[in-house]
Amino acid sequence: MANAKLKSIKVTLIKSVFGQLKSHRATVRGLGLRKIRDTSIVADTPEIRGMIRASGHILKVEEAV
């Protein structure tokens, strides 16, 4: 279990957070995204999946290589 390889997810901000709920803006910020077309590679955990689900309408999600 200790040497199991963690999966990663590539998350890109595709729309502006302007006009979004404060919680959605905070979620996007928590994923490490600031500007449109910013990309962040994060671990594939249930917590991150929940953050993506909350703000999925302004994000593009891909499997990181």
PDB file of N, CA and C in Angstrom:
ATOM      1  N   MET A   1       0.818  -1.191   0.000  1.00  0.00           N
ATOM      2  CA  MET A   1       0.000   0.000   0.000  1.00  0.00           C
ATOM      3  C   MET A   1       0.860   1.253   0.000  1.00  0.00           C
ATOM      4  N   ALA A   2       1.991   1.214   0.687  1.00  0.00           N
ATOM      5  CA  ALA A   2       2.844   2.390   0.786  1.00  0.00           C
ATOM      6  C   ALA A   2       3.473   2.753  -0.553  1.00  0.00           C
ATOM      7  N   ASN A   3       3.732   1.768  -1.398  1.00  0.00           N
ATOM      8  CA  ASN A   3       4.360   2.063  -2.684  1.00  0.00           C
ATOM      9  C   ASN A   3       3.349   2.136  -3.819  1.00  0.00           C
ATOM     10  N   ALA A   4       2.055   2.224  -3.494  1.00  0.00           N
ATOM     11  CA  ALA A   4       1.032   2.360  -4.525  1.00  0.00           C
ATOM     12  C   ALA A   4       1.156   3.745  -5.168  1.00  0.00           C
ATOM     13  N   LYS A   5       1.095   3.769  -6.476  1.00  0.00           N
ATOM     14  CA  LYS A   5       1.241   5.026  -7.205  1.00  0.00           C
ATOM     15  C   LYS A   5      -0.065   5.825  -7.140  1.00  0.00           C
ATOM     16  N   LEU A   6       0.019   7.072  -6.724  1.00  0.00           N
ATOM     17  CA  LEU A   6      -1.155   7.928  -6.661  1.00  0.00           C
ATOM     18  C   LEU A   6      -1.488   8.455  -8.046  1.00  0.00           C
ATOM     19  N   LYS A   7      -2.767   8.479  -8.360  1.00  0.00           N
ATOM     20  CA  LYS A   7      -3.204   9.046  -9.629  1.00  0.00           C
ATOM     21  C   LYS A   7      -3.260  10.566  -9.503  1.00  0.00           C
ATOM     22  N   SER A   8      -3.142  11.219 -10.631  1.00  0.00           N
ATOM     23  CA  SER A   8      -3.206  12.676 -10.655  1.00  0.00           C
ATOM     24  C   SER A   8      -4.266  13.134 -11.637  1.00  0.00           C
ATOM     25  N   ILE A   9      -4.790  14.307 -11.383  1.00  0.00           N
ATOM     26  CA  ILE A   9      -5.795  14.920 -12.241  1.00  0.00           C
ATOM     27  C   ILE A   9      -5.282  16.289 -12.667  1.00  0.00           C
ATOM     28  N   LYS A  10      -5.459  16.609 -13.939  1.00  0.00           N
ATOM     29  CA  LYS A  10      -5.092  17.922 -14.470  1.00  0.00           C
ATOM     30  C   LYS A  10      -6.371  18.757 -14.541  1.00  0.00           C
ATOM     31  N   VAL A  11      -6.391  19.870 -13.826  1.00  0.00           N
ATOM     32  CA  VAL A  11      -7.569  20.728 -13.744  1.00  0.00           C
ATOM     33  C   VAL A  11      -7.234  22.080 -14.360  1.00  0.00           C
ATOM     34  N   THR A  12      -8.098  22.553 -15.266  1.00  0.00           N
ATOM     35  CA  THR A  12      -7.895  23.831 -15.945  1.00  0.00           C
ATOM     36  C   THR A  12      -9.128  24.707 -15.748  1.00  0.00           C
ATOM     37  N   LEU A  13      -8.906  25.971 -15.411  1.00  0.00           N
ATOM     38  CA  LEU A  13     -10.000  26.935 -15.276  1.00  0.00           C
ATOM     39  C   LEU A  13     -10.363  27.440 -16.664  1.00  0.00           C
ATOM     40  N   ILE A  14     -11.608  27.222 -17.095  1.00  0.00           N
ATOM     41  CA  ILE A  14     -11.997  27.607 -18.456  1.00  0.00           C
ATOM     42  C   ILE A  14     -12.936  28.807 -18.496  1.00  0.00           C
ATOM     43  N   LYS A  15     -13.549  29.135 -17.361  1.00  0.00           N
ATOM     44  CA  LYS A  15     -14.426  30.302 -17.296  1.00  0.00           C
ATOM     45  C   LYS A  15     -14.041  31.146 -16.095  1.00  0.00           C
ATOM     46  N   SER A  16     -14.434  32.389 -16.117  1.00  0.00           N
ATOM     47  CA  SER A  16     -14.122  33.312 -15.035  1.00  0.00           C
ATOM     48  C   SER A  16     -14.903  32.975 -13.778  1.00  0.00           C
ATOM     49  N   VAL A  17     -14.318  33.272 -12.634  1.00  0.00           N
ATOM     50  CA  VAL A  17     -15.011  33.089 -11.362  1.00  0.00           C
ATOM     51  C   VAL A  17     -15.836  34.321 -11.003  1.00  0.00           C
ATOM     52  N   PHE A  18     -15.757  35.348 -11.821  1.00  0.00           N
ATOM     53  CA  PHE A  18     -16.533  36.566 -11.586  1.00  0.00           C
ATOM     54  C   PHE A  18     -18.019  36.217 -11.687  1.00  0.00           C
ATOM     55  N   GLY A  19     -18.780  36.584 -10.674  1.00  0.00           N
ATOM     56  CA  GLY A  19     -20.205  36.320 -10.669  1.00  0.00           C
ATOM     57  C   GLY A  19     -20.570  34.953 -10.104  1.00  0.00           C
ATOM     58  N   GLN A  20     -19.590  34.164  -9.713  1.00  0.00           N
ATOM     59  CA  GLN A  20     -19.851  32.849  -9.125  1.00  0.00           C
ATOM     60  C   GLN A  20     -20.055  33.007  -7.616  1.00  0.00           C
ATOM     61  N   LEU A  21     -20.597  31.977  -7.007  1.00  0.00           N
ATOM     62  CA  LEU A  21     -20.756  31.991  -5.559  1.00  0.00           C
ATOM     63  C   LEU A  21     -19.394  32.083  -4.880  1.00  0.00           C
ATOM     64  N   LYS A  22     -19.388  32.667  -3.707  1.00  0.00           N
ATOM     65  CA  LYS A  22     -18.138  32.818  -2.961  1.00  0.00           C
ATOM     66  C   LYS A  22     -17.505  31.460  -2.669  1.00  0.00           C
ATOM     67  N   SER A  23     -18.324  30.461  -2.405  1.00  0.00           N
ATOM     68  CA  SER A  23     -17.793  29.126  -2.122  1.00  0.00           C
ATOM     69  C   SER A  23     -17.145  28.510  -3.359  1.00  0.00           C
ATOM     70  N   HIS A  24     -17.684  28.789  -4.540  1.00  0.00           N
ATOM     71  CA  HIS A  24     -17.086  28.282  -5.776  1.00  0.00           C
ATOM     72  C   HIS A  24     -15.759  28.972  -6.057  1.00  0.00           C
ATOM     73  N   ARG A  25     -15.694  30.264  -5.801  1.00  0.00           N
ATOM     74  CA  ARG A  25     -14.435  30.990  -5.972  1.00  0.00           C
ATOM     75  C   ARG A  25     -13.374  30.428  -5.029  1.00  0.00           C
ATOM     76  N   ALA A  26     -13.764  30.145  -3.784  1.00  0.00           N
ATOM     77  CA  ALA A  26     -12.825  29.598  -2.812  1.00  0.00           C
ATOM     78  C   ALA A  26     -12.368  28.196  -3.220  1.00  0.00           C
ATOM     79  N   THR A  27     -13.265  27.416  -3.785  1.00  0.00           N
ATOM     80  CA  THR A  27     -12.921  26.071  -4.230  1.00  0.00           C
ATOM     81  C   THR A  27     -11.907  26.119  -5.361  1.00  0.00           C
ATOM     82  N   VAL A  28     -12.130  26.992  -6.326  1.00  0.00           N
ATOM     83  CA  VAL A  28     -11.204  27.145  -7.450  1.00  0.00           C
ATOM     84  C   VAL A  28      -9.845  27.601  -6.935  1.00  0.00           C
ATOM     85  N   ARG A  29      -9.838  28.503  -5.996  1.00  0.00           N
ATOM     86  CA  ARG A  29      -8.588  28.989  -5.398  1.00  0.00           C
ATOM     87  C   ARG A  29      -7.882  27.857  -4.650  1.00  0.00           C
ATOM     88  N   GLY A  30      -8.654  27.025  -3.981  1.00  0.00           N
ATOM     89  CA  GLY A  30      -8.103  25.897  -3.253  1.00  0.00           C
ATOM     90  C   GLY A  30      -7.469  24.853  -4.166  1.00  0.00           C
ATOM     91  N   LEU A  31      -7.930  24.800  -5.405  1.00  0.00           N
ATOM     92  CA  LEU A  31      -7.337  23.895  -6.388  1.00  0.00           C
ATOM     93  C   LEU A  31      -6.065  24.476  -6.996  1.00  0.00           C
ATOM     94  N   GLY A  32      -5.727  25.709  -6.624  1.00  0.00           N
ATOM     95  CA  GLY A  32      -4.494  26.327  -7.105  1.00  0.00           C
ATOM     96  C   GLY A  32      -4.648  27.073  -8.409  1.00  0.00           C
ATOM     97  N   LEU A  33      -5.874  27.475  -8.730  1.00  0.00           N
ATOM     98  CA  LEU A  33      -6.139  28.175  -9.993  1.00  0.00           C
ATOM     99  C   LEU A  33      -6.440  29.637  -9.721  1.00  0.00           C
ATOM    100  N   ARG A  34      -5.860  30.518 -10.530  1.00  0.00           N
ATOM    101  CA  ARG A  34      -6.060  31.952 -10.341  1.00  0.00           C
ATOM    102  C   ARG A  34      -6.714  32.604 -11.554  1.00  0.00           C
ATOM    103  N   LYS A  35      -6.196  32.336 -12.730  1.00  0.00           N
ATOM    104  CA  LYS A  35      -6.661  33.000 -13.943  1.00  0.00           C
ATOM    105  C   LYS A  35      -7.252  31.980 -14.914  1.00  0.00           C
ATOM    106  N   ILE A  36      -7.983  32.473 -15.894  1.00  0.00           N
ATOM    107  CA  ILE A  36      -8.504  31.606 -16.946  1.00  0.00           C
ATOM    108  C   ILE A  36      -7.319  30.968 -17.669  1.00  0.00           C
ATOM    109  N   ARG A  37      -7.449  29.694 -17.975  1.00  0.00           N
ATOM    110  CA  ARG A  37      -6.439  28.854 -18.638  1.00  0.00           C
ATOM    111  C   ARG A  37      -5.294  28.462 -17.707  1.00  0.00           C
ATOM    112  N   ASP A  38      -5.394  28.759 -16.416  1.00  0.00           N
ATOM    113  CA  ASP A  38      -4.436  28.232 -15.446  1.00  0.00           C
ATOM    114  C   ASP A  38      -4.678  26.734 -15.301  1.00  0.00           C
ATOM    115  N   THR A  39      -3.613  25.982 -15.170  1.00  0.00           N
ATOM    116  CA  THR A  39      -3.712  24.532 -15.022  1.00  0.00           C
ATOM    117  C   THR A  39      -2.985  24.108 -13.761  1.00  0.00           C
ATOM    118  N   SER A  40      -3.566  23.146 -13.079  1.00  0.00           N
ATOM    119  CA  SER A  40      -2.974  22.611 -11.863  1.00  0.00           C
ATOM    120  C   SER A  40      -3.092  21.096 -11.895  1.00  0.00           C
ATOM    121  N   ILE A  41      -2.067  20.416 -11.423  1.00  0.00           N
ATOM    122  CA  ILE A  41      -2.104  18.960 -11.322  1.00  0.00           C
ATOM    123  C   ILE A  41      -2.241  18.623  -9.851  1.00  0.00           C
ATOM    124  N   VAL A  42      -3.331  17.930  -9.523  1.00  0.00           N
ATOM    125  CA  VAL A  42      -3.644  17.609  -8.132  1.00  0.00           C
ATOM    126  C   VAL A  42      -3.827  16.100  -7.989  1.00  0.00           C
ATOM    127  N   ALA A  43      -3.699  15.620  -6.761  1.00  0.00           N
ATOM    128  CA  ALA A  43      -3.889  14.195  -6.476  1.00  0.00           C
ATOM    129  C   ALA A  43      -5.369  13.831  -6.629  1.00  0.00           C
ATOM    130  N   ASP A  44      -5.625  12.611  -7.063  1.00  0.00           N
ATOM    131  CA  ASP A  44      -6.991  12.128  -7.245  1.00  0.00           C
ATOM    132  C   ASP A  44      -7.490  11.532  -5.932  1.00  0.00           C
ATOM    133  N   THR A  45      -8.050  12.404  -5.088  1.00  0.00           N
ATOM    134  CA  THR A  45      -8.590  11.974  -3.803  1.00  0.00           C
ATOM    135  C   THR A  45     -10.077  12.297  -3.756  1.00  0.00           C
ATOM    136  N   PRO A  46     -10.825  11.677  -2.857  1.00  0.00           N
ATOM    137  CA  PRO A  46     -12.254  11.993  -2.745  1.00  0.00           C
ATOM    138  C   PRO A  46     -12.514  13.472  -2.427  1.00  0.00           C
ATOM    139  N   GLU A  47     -11.625  14.081  -1.661  1.00  0.00           N
ATOM    140  CA  GLU A  47     -11.791  15.492  -1.313  1.00  0.00           C
ATOM    141  C   GLU A  47     -11.667  16.374  -2.552  1.00  0.00           C
ATOM    142  N   ILE A  48     -10.663  16.095  -3.371  1.00  0.00           N
ATOM    143  CA  ILE A  48     -10.458  16.867  -4.601  1.00  0.00           C
ATOM    144  C   ILE A  48     -11.610  16.629  -5.566  1.00  0.00           C
ATOM    145  N   ARG A  49     -12.078  15.381  -5.678  1.00  0.00           N
ATOM    146  CA  ARG A  49     -13.223  15.073  -6.538  1.00  0.00           C
ATOM    147  C   ARG A  49     -14.453  15.877  -6.121  1.00  0.00           C
ATOM    148  N   GLY A  50     -14.657  16.039  -4.817  1.00  0.00           N
ATOM    149  CA  GLY A  50     -15.776  16.844  -4.330  1.00  0.00           C
ATOM    150  C   GLY A  50     -15.626  18.305  -4.695  1.00  0.00           C
ATOM    151  N   MET A  51     -14.412  18.827  -4.622  1.00  0.00           N
ATOM    152  CA  MET A  51     -14.161  20.217  -5.007  1.00  0.00           C
ATOM    153  C   MET A  51     -14.440  20.409  -6.491  1.00  0.00           C
ATOM    154  N   ILE A  52     -14.024  19.441  -7.292  1.00  0.00           N
ATOM    155  CA  ILE A  52     -14.254  19.517  -8.739  1.00  0.00           C
ATOM    156  C   ILE A  52     -15.740  19.430  -9.041  1.00  0.00           C
ATOM    157  N   ARG A  53     -16.458  18.582  -8.331  1.00  0.00           N
ATOM    158  CA  ARG A  53     -17.895  18.436  -8.544  1.00  0.00           C
ATOM    159  C   ARG A  53     -18.634  19.735  -8.219  1.00  0.00           C
ATOM    160  N   ALA A  54     -18.171  20.448  -7.191  1.00  0.00           N
ATOM    161  CA  ALA A  54     -18.824  21.695  -6.778  1.00  0.00           C
ATOM    162  C   ALA A  54     -18.653  22.796  -7.815  1.00  0.00           C
ATOM    163  N   SER A  55     -17.498  22.859  -8.462  1.00  0.00           N
ATOM    164  CA  SER A  55     -17.211  23.934  -9.422  1.00  0.00           C
ATOM    165  C   SER A  55     -16.948  23.387 -10.822  1.00  0.00           C
ATOM    166  N   GLY A  56     -17.491  22.246 -11.130  1.00  0.00           N
ATOM    167  CA  GLY A  56     -17.225  21.584 -12.405  1.00  0.00           C
ATOM    168  C   GLY A  56     -17.681  22.356 -13.623  1.00  0.00           C
ATOM    169  N   HIS A  57     -18.646  23.250 -13.463  1.00  0.00           N
ATOM    170  CA  HIS A  57     -19.166  23.998 -14.604  1.00  0.00           C
ATOM    171  C   HIS A  57     -18.183  25.054 -15.120  1.00  0.00           C
ATOM    172  N   ILE A  58     -17.131  25.344 -14.368  1.00  0.00           N
ATOM    173  CA  ILE A  58     -16.137  26.315 -14.833  1.00  0.00           C
ATOM    174  C   ILE A  58     -14.752  25.693 -14.968  1.00  0.00           C
ATOM    175  N   LEU A  59     -14.689  24.357 -14.847  1.00  0.00           N
ATOM    176  CA  LEU A  59     -13.414  23.645 -14.913  1.00  0.00           C
ATOM    177  C   LEU A  59     -13.395  22.630 -16.049  1.00  0.00           C
ATOM    178  N   LYS A  60     -12.203  22.350 -16.524  1.00  0.00           N
ATOM    179  CA  LYS A  60     -11.964  21.259 -17.464  1.00  0.00           C
ATOM    180  C   LYS A  60     -11.070  20.268 -16.726  1.00  0.00           C
ATOM    181  N   VAL A  61     -11.474  18.992 -16.713  1.00  0.00           N
ATOM    182  CA  VAL A  61     -10.750  17.983 -15.946  1.00  0.00           C
ATOM    183  C   VAL A  61     -10.241  16.903 -16.887  1.00  0.00           C
ATOM    184  N   GLU A  62      -8.954  16.567 -16.760  1.00  0.00           N
ATOM    185  CA  GLU A  62      -8.328  15.525 -17.562  1.00  0.00           C
ATOM    186  C   GLU A  62      -7.479  14.649 -16.642  1.00  0.00           C
ATOM    187  N   GLU A  63      -7.186  13.449 -17.114  1.00  0.00           N
ATOM    188  CA  GLU A  63      -6.274  12.591 -16.373  1.00  0.00           C
ATOM    189  C   GLU A  63      -4.854  13.021 -16.693  1.00  0.00           C
ATOM    190  N   ALA A  64      -4.064  13.257 -15.660  1.00  0.00           N
ATOM    191  CA  ALA A  64      -2.669  13.678 -15.865  1.00  0.00           C
ATOM    192  C   ALA A  64      -1.840  12.469 -16.267  1.00  0.00           C
ATOM    193  N   VAL A  65      -0.858  12.723 -17.101  1.00  0.00           N
ATOM    194  CA  VAL A  65       0.003  11.644 -17.578  1.00  0.00           C
ATOM    195  C   VAL A  65       1.172  11.430 -16.663  1.00  0.00           C
TER     196      VAL A  65
END
